[in-house]
C-alpha atoms as a PDB file:
ATOM      1  CA  UNK A   1      54.913 311.129-230.952  1.00  0.00           C
ATOM      2  CA  UNK A   2      55.026 314.177-233.231  1.00  0.00           C
ATOM      3  CA  UNK A   3      52.353 316.852-233.003  1.00  0.00           C
ATOM      4  CA  UNK A   4      52.349 318.307-236.485  1.00  0.00           C
ATOM      5  CA  UNK A   5      51.626 321.973-236.914  1.00  0.00           C
ATOM      6  CA  UNK A   6      53.063 324.645-239.146  1.00  0.00           C
ATOM      7  CA  UNK A   7      53.723 328.178-237.993  1.00  0.00           C
ATOM      8  CA  UNK A   8      50.618 330.331-237.933  1.00  0.00           C
ATOM      9  CA  UNK A   9      48.084 327.555-237.604  1.00  0.00           C
ATOM     10  CA  UNK A  10      45.804 327.490-234.612  1.00  0.00           C
ATOM     11  CA  UNK A  11      45.686 324.590-232.183  1.00  0.00           C
ATOM     12  CA  UNK A  12      42.397 323.305-233.620  1.00  0.00           C
ATOM     13  CA  UNK A  13      44.387 322.112-236.645  1.00  0.00           C
ATOM     14  CA  UNK A  14      46.778 320.015-234.563  1.00  0.00           C
ATOM     15  CA  UNK A  15      47.494 316.609-236.086  1.00  0.00           C
ATOM     16  CA  UNK A  16      49.037 313.732-234.112  1.00  0.00           C
ATOM     17  CA  UNK A  17      51.292 311.179-235.794  1.00  0.00           C
ATOM     18  CA  UNK A  18      51.185 307.576-234.614  1.00  0.00           C
ATOM     19  CA  UNK A  19      54.453 305.792-233.925  1.00  0.00           C
ATOM     20  CA  UNK A  20      53.865 303.547-236.966  1.00  0.00           C
ATOM     21  CA  UNK A  21      53.288 306.458-239.338  1.00  0.00           C
ATOM     22  CA  UNK A  22      56.298 308.292-237.934  1.00  0.00           C
ATOM     23  CA  UNK A  23      58.405 305.163-238.552  1.00  0.00           C
ATOM     24  CA  UNK A  24      57.173 305.020-242.141  1.00  0.00           C
ATOM     25  CA  UNK A  25      58.122 308.676-242.587  1.00  0.00           C
ATOM     26  CA  UNK A  26      61.648 307.889-241.389  1.00  0.00           C
ATOM     27  CA  UNK A  27      62.061 305.601-244.424  1.00  0.00           C
ATOM     28  CA  UNK A  28      62.177 308.782-246.533  1.00  0.00           C
ATOM     29  CA  UNK A  29      65.629 310.393-246.895  1.00  0.00           C
ATOM     30  CA  UNK A  30      66.060 313.101-244.259  1.00  0.00           C
ATOM     31  CA  UNK A  31      66.316 315.908-246.835  1.00  0.00           C
ATOM     32  CA  UNK A  32      62.797 315.197-248.131  1.00  0.00           C
ATOM     33  CA  UNK A  33      60.954 314.333-244.926  1.00  0.00           C
ATOM     34  CA  UNK A  34      59.760 317.839-244.184  1.00  0.00           C
ATOM     35  CA  UNK A  35      58.072 318.022-247.604  1.00  0.00           C
ATOM     36  CA  UNK A  36      56.369 314.666-247.144  1.00  0.00           C
ATOM     37  CA  UNK A  37      55.343 315.572-243.586  1.00  0.00           C
ATOM     38  CA  UNK A  38      53.834 318.858-244.790  1.00  0.00           C
ATOM     39  CA  UNK A  39      51.866 317.208-247.608  1.00  0.00           C
ATOM     40  CA  UNK A  40      50.589 314.338-245.457  1.00  0.00           C
ATOM     41  CA  UNK A  41      49.491 316.783-242.763  1.00  0.00           C
ATOM     42  CA  UNK A  42      47.746 318.963-245.358  1.00  0.00           C
ATOM     43  CA  UNK A  43      45.948 315.873-246.684  1.00  0.00           C
ATOM     44  CA  UNK A  44      44.970 314.783-243.154  1.00  0.00           C
ATOM     45  CA  UNK A  45      43.511 318.210-242.377  1.00  0.00           C
ATOM     46  CA  UNK A  46      41.608 318.092-245.667  1.00  0.00           C
ATOM     47  CA  UNK A  47      39.841 314.920-244.595  1.00  0.00           C
ATOM     48  CA  UNK A  48      39.437 316.150-240.989  1.00  0.00           C
ATOM     49  CA  UNK A  49      41.686 313.429-239.582  1.00  0.00           C
ATOM     50  CA  UNK A  50      42.857 314.119-236.040  1.00  0.00           C
ATOM     51  CA  UNK A  51      45.565 311.471-236.296  1.00  0.00           C
ATOM     52  CA  UNK A  52      47.976 310.411-239.004  1.00  0.00           C
ATOM     53  CA  UNK A  53      48.161 306.650-238.904  1.00  0.00           C
ATOM     54  CA  UNK A  54      49.364 304.242-241.586  1.00  0.00           C
ATOM     55  CA  UNK A  55      46.006 304.360-243.362  1.00  0.00           C
ATOM     56  CA  UNK A  56      46.027 308.169-243.667  1.00  0.00           C
ATOM     57  CA  UNK A  57      49.712 308.143-244.638  1.00  0.00           C
ATOM     58  CA  UNK A  58      49.080 305.578-247.381  1.00  0.00           C
ATOM     59  CA  UNK A  59      45.995 307.433-248.664  1.00  0.00           C
ATOM     60  CA  UNK A  60      48.005 310.654-248.913  1.00  0.00           C
ATOM     61  CA  UNK A  61      50.749 308.789-250.758  1.00  0.00           C
ATOM     62  CA  UNK A  62      48.253 307.225-253.185  1.00  0.00           C
ATOM     63  CA  UNK A  63      46.720 310.641-253.871  1.00  0.00           C
ATOM     64  CA  UNK A  64      50.140 312.126-254.559  1.00  0.00           C
ATOM     65  CA  UNK A  65      51.139 309.240-256.846  1.00  0.00           C
ATOM     66  CA  UNK A  66      47.906 309.484-258.842  1.00  0.00           C
ATOM     67  CA  UNK A  67      48.385 313.238-259.262  1.00  0.00           C
ATOM     68  CA  UNK A  68      51.885 312.593-260.633  1.00  0.00           C
ATOM     69  CA  UNK A  69      50.538 310.118-263.197  1.00  0.00           C
ATOM     70  CA  UNK A  70      47.951 312.647-264.384  1.00  0.00           C
ATOM     71  CA  UNK A  71      50.430 315.495-264.881  1.00  0.00           C
END
């Protein structure tokens, strides 16, 4: 289990990744995972999710894809 947190954030912003979501993240090439992890965690904090599961991961991905279509 990964406890996501970037430097400088307080413990109240801690986000836990489920095993399933972590497995999905591992499908991304290693050189891009940290970017995806950061964006998914930012999205999860924005919706006050305490856990990143497949649903949150997929919602973050959908949001990112729709923003790419609109740019």
